Amino acid sequence: MISVRMHQRGSELLLAAADKELIGRKFSEGALRLDVRASFYEGEDASEALLLNRLSICSMANLVGEKTIAIAAREGFIDRDCVIIIDGIPHAQLAKM
């Protein structure tokens, strides 16, 4: 399952999406840190269709986890070459220009 949460800041709409089992966990590798805070990522339980809908309307996104990243990459929202791995967990950010 994937969790999605939308954050509005002025005219910007930020999507926070993560594989649900990662919420509340922290990961680190070298100088890299990833804190998958419930206060940021926890929201609606999302089907693939809902995640794709939210990706299509957001202006920015923070994406965490194998399932979330796989869907976003398959549908062309992110490039797999731009995904970083922190302690085995994939993470990507999206900014639409």
N, C-alpha and C. Protein backbone atom coordinates (compact mmCIF):
# COMPACT_ATOMS: atom_id res chain seq x y z
N MET A 1 0.85 -1.19 0.00
CA MET A 1 0.00 0.00 0.00
C MET A 1 0.89 1.24 0.00
N ILE A 2 0.38 2.29 -0.60
CA ILE A 2 1.07 3.58 -0.68
C ILE A 2 0.22 4.61 0.05
N SER A 3 0.90 5.54 0.72
CA SER A 3 0.22 6.65 1.37
C SER A 3 0.56 7.93 0.63
N VAL A 4 -0.45 8.76 0.36
CA VAL A 4 -0.23 10.05 -0.31
C VAL A 4 -0.82 11.17 0.53
N ARG A 5 -0.10 12.29 0.52
CA ARG A 5 -0.58 13.47 1.22
C ARG A 5 -0.20 14.70 0.41
N MET A 6 -1.15 15.57 0.23
CA MET A 6 -0.91 16.81 -0.52
C MET A 6 -0.69 17.96 0.46
N HIS A 7 0.30 18.80 0.16
CA HIS A 7 0.61 19.98 0.95
C HIS A 7 0.54 21.19 0.02
N GLN A 8 -0.24 22.19 0.39
CA GLN A 8 -0.36 23.40 -0.42
C GLN A 8 0.44 24.52 0.23
N ARG A 9 1.30 25.15 -0.57
CA ARG A 9 2.09 26.31 -0.12
C ARG A 9 1.96 27.37 -1.20
N GLY A 10 1.09 28.35 -0.94
CA GLY A 10 0.83 29.36 -1.96
C GLY A 10 0.23 28.68 -3.18
N SER A 11 0.83 28.92 -4.34
CA SER A 11 0.33 28.31 -5.57
C SER A 11 0.94 26.93 -5.84
N GLU A 12 1.87 26.51 -5.00
CA GLU A 12 2.54 25.22 -5.19
C GLU A 12 1.77 24.10 -4.48
N LEU A 13 1.72 22.95 -5.14
CA LEU A 13 1.07 21.78 -4.57
C LEU A 13 2.11 20.66 -4.51
N LEU A 14 2.48 20.30 -3.29
CA LEU A 14 3.52 19.30 -3.05
C LEU A 14 2.88 17.97 -2.68
N LEU A 15 3.29 16.93 -3.39
CA LEU A 15 2.84 15.57 -3.08
C LEU A 15 3.91 14.86 -2.26
N ALA A 16 3.53 14.31 -1.14
CA ALA A 16 4.40 13.43 -0.36
C ALA A 16 3.79 12.04 -0.50
N ALA A 17 4.57 11.10 -1.05
CA ALA A 17 4.07 9.74 -1.26
C ALA A 17 5.13 8.74 -0.84
N ALA A 18 4.70 7.72 -0.10
CA ALA A 18 5.65 6.72 0.39
C ALA A 18 4.97 5.37 0.52
N ASP A 19 5.76 4.32 0.35
CA ASP A 19 5.29 2.98 0.67
C ASP A 19 4.90 3.00 2.15
N LYS A 20 3.70 2.59 2.44
CA LYS A 20 3.12 2.76 3.77
C LYS A 20 3.97 2.15 4.89
N GLU A 21 4.63 1.03 4.64
CA GLU A 21 5.41 0.37 5.69
C GLU A 21 6.67 1.15 6.08
N LEU A 22 7.02 2.17 5.30
CA LEU A 22 8.22 2.98 5.60
C LEU A 22 7.91 4.19 6.48
N ILE A 23 6.64 4.54 6.60
CA ILE A 23 6.26 5.73 7.36
C ILE A 23 6.64 5.56 8.82
N GLY A 24 7.27 6.60 9.34
CA GLY A 24 7.71 6.60 10.73
C GLY A 24 9.13 6.09 10.92
N ARG A 25 9.76 5.68 9.84
CA ARG A 25 11.12 5.14 9.94
C ARG A 25 12.15 6.17 9.47
N LYS A 26 13.38 6.00 9.94
CA LYS A 26 14.51 6.85 9.55
C LYS A 26 15.59 5.98 8.93
N PHE A 27 16.23 6.52 7.89
CA PHE A 27 17.28 5.80 7.20
C PHE A 27 18.48 6.72 7.05
N SER A 28 19.66 6.14 7.09
CA SER A 28 20.87 6.94 6.88
C SER A 28 21.93 6.09 6.20
N GLU A 29 22.74 6.77 5.42
CA GLU A 29 23.85 6.13 4.73
C GLU A 29 24.88 7.21 4.47
N GLY A 30 26.02 7.11 5.10
CA GLY A 30 27.02 8.16 4.98
C GLY A 30 26.44 9.48 5.46
N ALA A 31 26.55 10.49 4.62
CA ALA A 31 26.03 11.82 4.96
C ALA A 31 24.54 11.97 4.64
N LEU A 32 23.94 10.99 4.01
CA LEU A 32 22.54 11.08 3.60
C LEU A 32 21.61 10.63 4.71
N ARG A 33 20.53 11.36 4.90
CA ARG A 33 19.52 11.04 5.90
C ARG A 33 18.14 11.13 5.26
N LEU A 34 17.27 10.20 5.63
CA LEU A 34 15.90 10.20 5.15
C LEU A 34 14.99 9.88 6.32
N ASP A 35 14.13 10.84 6.67
CA ASP A 35 13.19 10.70 7.78
C ASP A 35 11.78 10.68 7.16
N VAL A 36 11.17 9.54 7.15
CA VAL A 36 9.84 9.38 6.53
C VAL A 36 8.79 9.66 7.61
N ARG A 37 8.68 10.92 7.95
CA ARG A 37 7.80 11.35 9.05
C ARG A 37 6.32 11.20 8.71
N ALA A 38 5.59 10.67 9.66
CA ALA A 38 4.14 10.53 9.49
C ALA A 38 3.49 11.89 9.28
N SER A 39 3.98 12.91 9.96
CA SER A 39 3.38 14.24 9.84
C SER A 39 3.51 14.82 8.43
N PHE A 40 4.41 14.27 7.63
CA PHE A 40 4.60 14.76 6.25
C PHE A 40 4.02 13.78 5.23
N TYR A 41 4.26 12.48 5.41
CA TYR A 41 3.90 11.49 4.40
C TYR A 41 2.57 10.78 4.62
N GLU A 42 2.10 10.69 5.86
CA GLU A 42 0.90 9.91 6.12
C GLU A 42 -0.35 10.66 5.68
N GLY A 43 -1.17 9.99 4.88
CA GLY A 43 -2.39 10.61 4.37
C GLY A 43 -3.35 9.54 3.92
N GLU A 44 -3.81 9.67 2.68
CA GLU A 44 -4.76 8.70 2.12
C GLU A 44 -4.04 7.42 1.70
N ASP A 45 -4.70 6.29 1.91
CA ASP A 45 -4.23 5.04 1.31
C ASP A 45 -4.50 5.17 -0.18
N ALA A 46 -3.48 4.90 -0.99
CA ALA A 46 -3.60 5.19 -2.41
C ALA A 46 -3.44 3.94 -3.27
N SER A 47 -4.34 3.82 -4.22
CA SER A 47 -4.18 2.85 -5.30
C SER A 47 -3.20 3.45 -6.29
N GLU A 48 -2.80 2.64 -7.25
CA GLU A 48 -1.93 3.15 -8.31
C GLU A 48 -2.60 4.31 -9.04
N ALA A 49 -3.88 4.19 -9.32
CA ALA A 49 -4.62 5.24 -10.03
C ALA A 49 -4.62 6.55 -9.24
N LEU A 50 -4.80 6.48 -7.93
CA LEU A 50 -4.82 7.69 -7.11
C LEU A 50 -3.43 8.32 -7.08
N LEU A 51 -2.38 7.51 -6.93
CA LEU A 51 -1.02 8.05 -6.97
C LEU A 51 -0.76 8.77 -8.28
N LEU A 52 -1.14 8.15 -9.40
CA LEU A 52 -0.92 8.78 -10.70
C LEU A 52 -1.72 10.07 -10.85
N ASN A 53 -2.93 10.10 -10.32
CA ASN A 53 -3.72 11.32 -10.34
C ASN A 53 -3.01 12.43 -9.58
N ARG A 54 -2.52 12.13 -8.38
CA ARG A 54 -1.84 13.14 -7.57
C ARG A 54 -0.53 13.59 -8.22
N LEU A 55 0.19 12.67 -8.85
CA LEU A 55 1.42 13.03 -9.57
C LEU A 55 1.11 13.97 -10.74
N SER A 56 -0.03 13.77 -11.38
CA SER A 56 -0.39 14.60 -12.53
C SER A 56 -0.77 16.02 -12.13
N ILE A 57 -1.25 16.23 -10.91
CA ILE A 57 -1.70 17.57 -10.52
C ILE A 57 -0.70 18.33 -9.64
N CYS A 58 0.29 17.64 -9.09
CA CYS A 58 1.22 18.32 -8.19
C CYS A 58 2.24 19.14 -8.98
N SER A 59 2.86 20.12 -8.31
CA SER A 59 3.95 20.88 -8.92
C SER A 59 5.30 20.37 -8.43
N MET A 60 5.30 19.68 -7.29
CA MET A 60 6.51 19.09 -6.72
C MET A 60 6.11 17.79 -6.02
N ALA A 61 7.09 16.88 -5.85
CA ALA A 61 6.79 15.64 -5.14
C ALA A 61 8.03 15.11 -4.44
N ASN A 62 7.81 14.50 -3.29
CA ASN A 62 8.82 13.72 -2.57
C ASN A 62 8.29 12.30 -2.55
N LEU A 63 9.07 11.37 -3.10
CA LEU A 63 8.63 9.99 -3.27
C LEU A 63 9.60 9.05 -2.58
N VAL A 64 9.07 8.08 -1.83
CA VAL A 64 9.91 7.14 -1.08
C VAL A 64 9.35 5.73 -1.22
N GLY A 65 10.26 4.77 -1.50
CA GLY A 65 9.89 3.37 -1.49
C GLY A 65 9.83 2.73 -2.86
N GLU A 66 10.05 1.43 -2.88
CA GLU A 66 10.10 0.67 -4.14
C GLU A 66 8.81 0.78 -4.95
N LYS A 67 7.66 0.56 -4.31
CA LYS A 67 6.39 0.58 -5.04
C LYS A 67 6.10 1.97 -5.60
N THR A 68 6.25 2.98 -4.77
CA THR A 68 5.97 4.36 -5.17
C THR A 68 6.88 4.78 -6.32
N ILE A 69 8.17 4.51 -6.18
CA ILE A 69 9.15 4.89 -7.21
C ILE A 69 8.90 4.12 -8.50
N ALA A 70 8.60 2.83 -8.41
CA ALA A 70 8.37 2.01 -9.61
C ALA A 70 7.22 2.56 -10.45
N ILE A 71 6.14 2.94 -9.80
CA ILE A 71 4.97 3.48 -10.52
C ILE A 71 5.32 4.81 -11.17
N ALA A 72 5.95 5.71 -10.41
CA ALA A 72 6.31 7.03 -10.93
C ALA A 72 7.29 6.92 -12.09
N ALA A 73 8.24 6.01 -12.01
CA ALA A 73 9.23 5.84 -13.09
C ALA A 73 8.57 5.21 -14.32
N ARG A 74 7.78 4.18 -14.11
CA ARG A 74 7.12 3.50 -15.24
C ARG A 74 6.25 4.46 -16.06
N GLU A 75 5.61 5.39 -15.36
CA GLU A 75 4.72 6.34 -16.03
C GLU A 75 5.42 7.62 -16.48
N GLY A 76 6.74 7.68 -16.32
CA GLY A 76 7.51 8.81 -16.85
C GLY A 76 7.56 10.06 -15.99
N PHE A 77 7.12 9.98 -14.75
CA PHE A 77 7.18 11.16 -13.88
C PHE A 77 8.59 11.39 -13.36
N ILE A 78 9.37 10.34 -13.19
CA ILE A 78 10.76 10.46 -12.76
C ILE A 78 11.63 9.55 -13.60
N ASP A 79 12.91 9.84 -13.63
CA ASP A 79 13.90 9.03 -14.34
C ASP A 79 14.60 8.16 -13.31
N ARG A 80 14.64 6.86 -13.55
CA ARG A 80 15.30 5.93 -12.61
C ARG A 80 16.74 6.34 -12.31
N ASP A 81 17.41 7.00 -13.26
CA ASP A 81 18.80 7.44 -13.06
C ASP A 81 18.90 8.57 -12.03
N CYS A 82 17.78 9.18 -11.70
CA CYS A 82 17.77 10.30 -10.74
C CYS A 82 17.31 9.87 -9.35
N VAL A 83 17.10 8.59 -9.16
CA VAL A 83 16.67 8.06 -7.87
C VAL A 83 17.91 7.79 -7.02
N ILE A 84 17.88 8.26 -5.77
CA ILE A 84 18.98 7.94 -4.87
C ILE A 84 18.53 6.83 -3.93
N ILE A 85 19.49 6.05 -3.47
CA ILE A 85 19.21 4.96 -2.54
C ILE A 85 19.87 5.30 -1.22
N ILE A 86 19.08 5.35 -0.17
CA ILE A 86 19.59 5.64 1.17
C ILE A 86 19.28 4.43 2.05
N ASP A 87 20.32 3.74 2.45
CA ASP A 87 20.17 2.55 3.29
C ASP A 87 19.20 1.54 2.66
N GLY A 88 19.29 1.39 1.34
CA GLY A 88 18.47 0.44 0.62
C GLY A 88 17.09 0.95 0.22
N ILE A 89 16.75 2.18 0.58
CA ILE A 89 15.42 2.74 0.30
C ILE A 89 15.51 3.77 -0.82
N PRO A 90 14.77 3.57 -1.91
CA PRO A 90 14.81 4.56 -3.00
C PRO A 90 14.02 5.83 -2.64
N HIS A 91 14.60 6.96 -3.08
CA HIS A 91 14.00 8.27 -2.82
C HIS A 91 14.19 9.13 -4.05
N ALA A 92 13.16 9.86 -4.44
CA ALA A 92 13.25 10.77 -5.57
C ALA A 92 12.42 12.01 -5.28
N GLN A 93 12.85 13.11 -5.89
CA GLN A 93 12.11 14.36 -5.82
C GLN A 93 11.76 14.78 -7.23
N LEU A 94 10.62 15.40 -7.36
CA LEU A 94 10.11 15.86 -8.65
C LEU A 94 9.78 17.34 -8.55
N ALA A 95 10.21 18.09 -9.54
CA ALA A 95 9.82 19.50 -9.65
C ALA A 95 9.42 19.76 -11.09
N LYS A 96 8.20 20.22 -11.27
CA LYS A 96 7.72 20.52 -12.62
C LYS A 96 8.01 21.98 -12.92
N MET A 97 8.61 22.20 -14.05
CA MET A 97 8.97 23.57 -14.46
C MET A 97 8.04 24.06 -15.54
